[in-house]
Protein backbone atom coordinates (compact mmCIF):
# COMPACT_ATOMS: atom_id res chain seq x y z
CA MET A 1 28.76 -5.11 1.77
CA ALA A 2 29.65 -1.84 3.47
CA LYS A 3 27.09 -0.56 6.06
CA PRO A 4 25.22 2.40 4.52
CA ALA A 5 25.29 5.71 6.28
CA SER A 6 22.41 6.38 8.66
CA PRO A 7 19.59 7.88 6.61
CA SER A 8 18.35 9.79 9.70
CA LYS A 9 21.45 11.89 9.54
CA SER A 10 22.00 11.85 5.74
CA PRO A 11 18.78 11.23 3.81
CA PRO A 12 19.07 9.57 0.43
CA PRO A 13 19.51 12.16 -2.32
CA SER A 14 16.44 13.23 -4.29
CA SER A 15 16.01 11.69 -7.78
CA SER A 16 13.67 11.78 -10.75
CA SER A 17 11.72 8.94 -9.05
CA ASP A 18 10.40 11.32 -6.40
CA ALA A 19 6.87 12.59 -6.95
CA PRO A 20 6.61 16.11 -8.31
CA GLY A 21 6.86 18.71 -5.53
CA ALA A 22 8.16 16.31 -2.93
CA ALA A 23 8.94 18.21 0.26
CA ALA A 24 12.33 18.07 2.00
CA ALA A 25 11.09 17.24 5.53
CA PRO A 26 10.78 13.51 6.32
CA VAL A 27 7.41 12.18 7.30
CA ILE A 28 8.97 8.91 8.61
CA ASP A 29 12.23 9.03 10.49
CA ILE A 30 13.64 5.94 12.22
CA GLU A 31 16.90 5.88 14.08
CA LYS A 32 18.66 2.86 15.62
CA VAL A 33 15.23 1.08 16.13
CA THR A 34 15.22 -2.36 17.74
CA LYS A 35 12.37 -4.64 18.47
CA THR A 36 12.70 -7.71 20.82
CA TYR A 37 10.02 -10.21 21.59
CA GLN A 38 10.16 -12.56 24.63
CA THR A 39 8.36 -15.94 24.26
CA GLY A 40 9.10 -17.98 27.34
CA ASP A 41 12.85 -18.53 27.55
CA VAL A 42 13.24 -17.50 23.81
CA THR A 43 14.26 -14.00 22.84
CA VAL A 44 13.64 -12.99 19.29
CA GLN A 45 15.33 -9.90 17.88
CA ALA A 46 13.01 -8.89 15.06
CA LEU A 47 14.71 -5.57 14.37
CA ARG A 48 18.32 -4.84 14.95
CA GLY A 49 19.29 -1.19 14.83
CA VAL A 50 17.17 -0.06 11.77
CA ASP A 51 17.81 3.41 10.32
CA LEU A 52 15.20 4.61 7.79
CA VAL A 53 14.10 8.14 6.52
CA ILE A 54 11.24 8.43 4.13
CA GLN A 55 10.62 11.89 2.71
CA THR A 56 7.14 13.30 2.03
CA GLY A 57 6.16 12.29 -1.49
CA GLU A 58 8.21 9.15 -1.78
CA PHE A 59 6.99 5.77 -3.07
CA VAL A 60 8.96 3.07 -1.21
CA ALA A 61 8.79 -0.70 -1.43
CA VAL A 62 10.01 -2.71 1.58
CA MET A 63 11.03 -6.25 0.63
CA GLY A 64 12.38 -9.28 2.38
CA ALA A 65 11.90 -12.91 3.02
CA SER A 66 9.70 -14.29 5.81
CA GLY A 67 11.43 -13.54 9.15
CA SER A 68 13.39 -10.59 7.68
CA GLY A 69 11.68 -8.09 9.91
CA LYS A 70 9.63 -6.29 7.23
CA SER A 71 6.29 -7.04 8.94
CA THR A 72 7.57 -5.88 12.32
CA LEU A 73 8.94 -2.69 10.68
CA MET A 74 5.48 -2.06 9.15
CA ASN A 75 3.79 -2.47 12.52
CA ILE A 76 6.12 0.10 14.02
CA LEU A 77 5.76 2.42 11.01
CA GLY A 78 2.00 2.10 11.42
CA GLY A 79 2.11 2.93 15.15
CA LEU A 80 0.66 -0.46 15.89
CA ASP A 81 3.63 -1.41 18.08
CA TYR A 82 6.36 0.52 19.94
CA PRO A 83 10.09 -0.09 19.30
CA THR A 84 12.09 -1.66 22.15
CA THR A 85 14.89 0.89 21.81
CA GLY A 86 15.62 3.66 19.29
CA GLU A 87 13.61 6.64 18.01
CA TYR A 88 10.72 6.86 15.60
CA ARG A 89 9.39 10.23 14.57
CA LEU A 90 6.18 10.28 12.53
CA ASP A 91 5.43 13.59 10.94
CA GLY A 92 7.93 15.02 13.43
CA GLU A 93 6.30 13.51 16.53
CA PRO A 94 8.48 11.10 18.62
CA ILE A 95 6.20 8.06 18.76
CA SER A 96 7.93 6.40 21.75
CA ARG A 97 6.94 9.37 24.00
CA LEU A 98 3.28 9.22 23.13
CA ASP A 99 0.66 7.41 25.19
CA SER A 100 -1.97 5.26 23.43
CA ASP A 101 -4.37 8.14 22.90
CA GLY A 102 -1.64 10.38 21.50
CA LEU A 103 -0.43 7.57 19.27
CA ALA A 104 -3.97 6.91 18.01
CA GLY A 105 -4.40 10.61 17.29
CA ILE A 106 -1.33 11.06 15.16
CA ARG A 107 -1.91 7.69 13.43
CA ASN A 108 -5.47 8.67 12.48
CA ARG A 109 -4.30 12.07 11.18
CA THR A 110 -1.25 10.89 9.24
CA LEU A 111 -1.69 7.27 8.19
CA GLY A 112 -4.03 5.27 5.91
CA PHE A 113 -3.79 1.46 5.88
CA VAL A 114 -4.35 -1.09 3.10
CA PHE A 115 -4.21 -4.77 3.83
CA GLN A 116 -3.75 -7.93 1.81
CA SER A 117 -7.14 -9.32 2.90
CA PHE A 118 -9.05 -6.00 2.33
CA ASN A 119 -10.60 -6.10 5.83
CA LEU A 120 -14.00 -4.99 4.71
CA LEU A 121 -17.18 -5.58 6.72
CA SER A 122 -19.31 -8.06 4.72
CA ARG A 123 -22.62 -6.81 5.73
CA THR A 124 -22.05 -3.11 4.98
CA THR A 125 -21.95 -1.38 1.55
CA ALA A 126 -18.79 0.05 -0.02
CA LEU A 127 -19.93 3.58 1.06
CA GLU A 128 -20.42 2.44 4.67
CA ASN A 129 -17.01 0.65 4.69
CA VAL A 130 -15.27 3.77 3.60
CA GLU A 131 -17.13 5.86 6.17
CA LEU A 132 -15.88 3.76 9.15
CA PRO A 133 -12.69 5.92 10.00
CA LEU A 134 -14.92 8.99 9.93
CA LEU A 135 -17.53 7.36 12.15
CA TYR A 136 -14.85 6.60 14.67
CA ALA A 137 -13.74 10.22 14.44
CA ASP A 138 -17.28 11.44 15.19
CA VAL A 139 -17.62 13.22 11.80
CA PRO A 140 -21.29 14.11 11.24
CA ALA A 141 -23.29 11.78 8.96
CA ARG A 142 -23.75 14.23 6.10
CA GLU A 143 -20.03 15.00 5.99
CA ARG A 144 -19.15 11.32 6.14
CA HIS A 145 -21.36 10.46 3.11
CA LYS A 146 -19.81 13.34 1.17
CA LEU A 147 -16.20 12.49 1.96
CA ALA A 148 -16.74 8.72 1.45
CA LEU A 149 -18.38 9.28 -1.97
CA GLU A 150 -15.49 11.58 -2.94
CA SER A 151 -13.07 8.88 -1.98
CA LEU A 152 -14.80 6.11 -3.85
CA THR A 153 -15.02 8.38 -6.93
CA ARG A 154 -11.30 8.93 -6.75
CA VAL A 155 -10.64 5.21 -7.04
CA GLY A 156 -13.18 4.72 -9.82
CA LEU A 157 -16.02 3.10 -7.83
CA ALA A 158 -18.73 5.85 -7.96
CA ASP A 159 -21.06 3.27 -9.55
CA ARG A 160 -20.39 0.65 -6.78
CA VAL A 161 -21.20 2.66 -3.66
CA GLU A 162 -24.25 0.55 -2.65
CA HIS A 163 -22.58 -2.81 -3.49
CA HIS A 164 -21.50 -5.20 -0.69
CA PRO A 165 -18.13 -6.86 -0.72
CA ASN A 166 -19.55 -10.22 -2.05
CA GLN A 167 -20.96 -8.29 -4.99
CA MET A 168 -17.49 -7.05 -6.03
CA SER A 169 -14.32 -8.62 -7.51
CA GLY A 170 -11.22 -8.85 -5.55
CA GLY A 171 -9.71 -5.83 -7.35
CA GLN A 172 -12.84 -3.73 -6.55
CA GLN A 173 -12.74 -4.75 -2.94
CA GLN A 174 -9.10 -3.59 -2.77
CA ARG A 175 -10.14 -0.31 -4.35
CA VAL A 176 -12.77 0.07 -1.61
CA ALA A 177 -9.94 -0.56 0.96
CA ILE A 178 -7.73 2.10 -0.73
CA ALA A 179 -10.72 4.59 -0.75
CA ARG A 180 -11.18 3.89 3.02
CA ALA A 181 -7.47 4.54 3.59
CA LEU A 182 -7.80 7.92 1.66
CA VAL A 183 -10.97 9.14 3.21
CA THR A 184 -9.13 10.87 6.13
CA HIS A 185 -6.72 12.58 3.79
CA PRO A 186 -3.60 10.85 5.14
CA LYS A 187 -0.06 11.97 4.44
CA VAL A 188 1.13 8.40 4.21
CA ILE A 189 -0.57 5.17 2.96
CA LEU A 190 0.97 2.01 4.36
CA ALA A 191 0.06 -1.03 2.20
CA ASP A 192 0.92 -4.57 3.47
CA GLU A 193 1.00 -7.00 0.56
CA PRO A 194 -1.78 -5.19 -1.19
CA THR A 195 -1.69 -7.36 -4.28
CA GLY A 196 -1.28 -10.71 -2.43
CA ASN A 197 -4.80 -11.86 -3.19
CA LEU A 198 -5.07 -10.53 -6.76
CA ASP A 199 -4.16 -11.84 -10.17
CA SER A 200 -1.35 -10.26 -12.12
CA GLU A 201 -3.40 -7.88 -14.28
CA THR A 202 -5.47 -6.70 -11.38
CA SER A 203 -2.24 -6.22 -9.34
CA ILE A 204 -0.97 -3.80 -12.04
CA GLU A 205 -4.28 -1.98 -11.85
CA VAL A 206 -3.88 -1.48 -8.13
CA MET A 207 -0.29 -0.28 -8.62
CA THR A 208 -1.54 2.12 -11.30
CA LEU A 209 -3.73 3.63 -8.60
CA PHE A 210 -0.97 3.81 -6.11
CA GLN A 211 1.25 5.59 -8.70
CA GLU A 212 -1.53 8.08 -9.33
CA LEU A 213 -1.88 8.78 -5.56
CA TRP A 214 1.95 9.11 -5.33
CA ARG A 215 2.09 11.62 -8.14
CA ALA A 216 -0.62 13.59 -6.36
CA GLY A 217 1.79 14.00 -3.38
CA ILE A 218 0.83 11.13 -1.05
CA THR A 219 3.68 9.12 0.46
CA ILE A 220 3.31 5.44 -0.34
CA VAL A 221 4.99 2.59 1.57
CA VAL A 222 4.38 -0.97 0.28
CA VAL A 223 5.45 -4.14 1.94
CA THR A 224 5.80 -6.90 -0.72
CA HIS A 225 7.73 -10.02 -1.49
CA GLU A 226 7.07 -9.61 -5.21
CA PRO A 227 9.80 -7.89 -7.35
CA ASP A 228 7.29 -7.20 -9.98
CA VAL A 229 5.36 -5.10 -7.56
CA ALA A 230 8.39 -3.33 -6.11
CA ALA A 231 9.39 -2.39 -9.68
CA PHE A 232 6.63 0.25 -9.56
CA ALA A 233 8.23 2.04 -6.63
CA GLY A 234 10.83 4.74 -6.78
CA ARG A 235 12.85 3.23 -3.92
CA VAL A 236 13.42 -0.32 -2.66
CA VAL A 237 14.43 -1.09 0.93
CA MET A 238 15.58 -4.72 1.31
CA MET A 239 15.31 -6.28 4.84
CA LYS A 240 17.31 -9.29 6.04
CA ASP A 241 17.76 -10.66 9.55
CA GLY A 242 16.15 -7.60 11.16
CA LYS A 243 18.42 -5.09 9.40
CA VAL A 244 18.30 -2.97 6.24
CA LYS A 245 20.43 -4.90 3.87
CA SER A 246 20.19 -2.43 1.04
CA ASP A 247 18.40 0.84 0.22
CA ARG A 248 18.43 1.84 -3.46
CA ARG A 249 16.55 4.24 -5.66
CA GLN A 250 15.31 3.24 -9.07
CA GLU A 251 13.42 4.57 -12.06
CA PRO A 252 9.87 3.19 -11.40
CA ARG A 253 8.23 1.14 -14.03
CA ASP A 254 5.18 2.95 -15.53
CA ALA A 255 2.13 1.11 -14.37
CA ARG A 256 -0.17 2.49 -16.94
CA GLN A 257 2.13 1.33 -19.67
CA ALA A 258 2.46 -2.06 -17.99
CA LEU A 259 -1.31 -2.31 -17.64
CA ALA A 260 -1.80 -1.66 -21.33
CA GLN A 261 0.71 -4.38 -22.22
CA ALA A 262 -1.05 -6.90 -19.86
CA VAL A 263 -4.44 -6.02 -21.40
CA ALA A 264 -2.99 -6.43 -24.94
CA LEU A 265 -1.48 -9.78 -24.00
CA ARG A 266 -4.75 -11.08 -22.61
CA GLN A 267 -6.69 -10.03 -25.68
CA ARG A 268 -4.14 -11.63 -27.90
CA GLU A 269 -4.41 -14.93 -25.95
CA VAL A 270 -8.15 -14.80 -26.20
CA ALA A 271 -7.91 -14.19 -30.04
CA GLU A 272 -5.48 -17.10 -30.30
CA GLU A 273 -7.88 -19.39 -28.49
CA ALA A 274 -10.71 -18.29 -30.87
CA ALA A 275 -8.58 -18.98 -33.93
CA GLU A 276 -7.65 -22.42 -32.71
CA ALA A 277 -11.33 -23.25 -32.05
CA PRO A 278 -13.52 -21.23 -34.41
CA GLY A 279 -16.65 -22.82 -33.03
CA ALA A 280 -15.80 -21.46 -29.58
CA ALA A 281 -15.16 -17.88 -30.72
CA ASN A 282 -18.29 -16.61 -28.96
CA ASP A 283 -17.33 -18.36 -25.70
CA ALA A 284 -13.81 -16.82 -25.93
CA ALA A 285 -15.21 -13.30 -26.56
CA ALA A 286 -17.54 -13.78 -23.62
CA LYS A 287 -14.74 -14.91 -21.49
CA ASP A 288 -12.69 -11.88 -22.30
CA GLY A 289 -15.62 -9.56 -21.69
CA ALA A 290 -16.25 -11.05 -18.34
CA ALA A 291 -12.62 -10.68 -17.33
CA HIS A 292 -12.59 -7.10 -18.37
CA ASN A 293 -15.81 -6.32 -16.48
CA GLY A 294 -14.47 -7.48 -13.18
CA GLU A 295 -15.16 -11.21 -12.91
CA GLY A 296 -12.53 -13.75 -11.79
CA GLY A 297 -10.75 -11.18 -9.51
CA ARG A 298 -10.29 -8.47 -11.98
CA LEU A 299 -11.30 -4.84 -11.35
């Protein structure tokens, strides 16, 4: 396979998969980035000269097998680690030239994070979890409450603000995590395996939310090993052996349509179960109702 041109000098052309109104200036610009780890006498080259440009308003999926470098790339994109060599500009700022305070400042202004394990505080409510980034930024309490409520409402959880994580399904907890990422009004959301702990239907519901945020102009970068999840992005970057193996645009699968199909399939399966065991019809209907209302990991 021929080596693709460096995106930092020639960004990928725009396409119909870009969100409406996507701007021309890149929010993420990586050029010839390497990352080397030293463990005793062993040297590990996690990234080997990576070039990547992500424009404002793109929805990008980063894929790759274990050891491909995708997690290391995500750490550098998130300002959680510095590259060994090369240049990374986040919203125009050269990350490698910032000290820890400067890095934390641009990270807090520009990025929102969503993790596979949700990372919610178990003893605090949904509202309090979403307020945390604002608390660290010394935002006054009244403004924190207002912004956190707006963020939870945006992800469809206005009626769950006083619930604790153990009172919510996995999908609802991930929505709280997304609301927390949104509360600072970031330009970019970085999501690391956000559907890894969710069932297939709930995963589609989360991707539906990400597509809504993308269409509203937020840049979305999702690290995933699941092709079904990457199908909802407008661009797929494949990592292998610390390098970008391929970088292609695609027409994203419509998550709302996919969700409707998944719900219809589940309802059909419930109906078939009821038909096969007429005496269990009420149990089957109850099972479907429970699933729809958020039990068993659904939203």
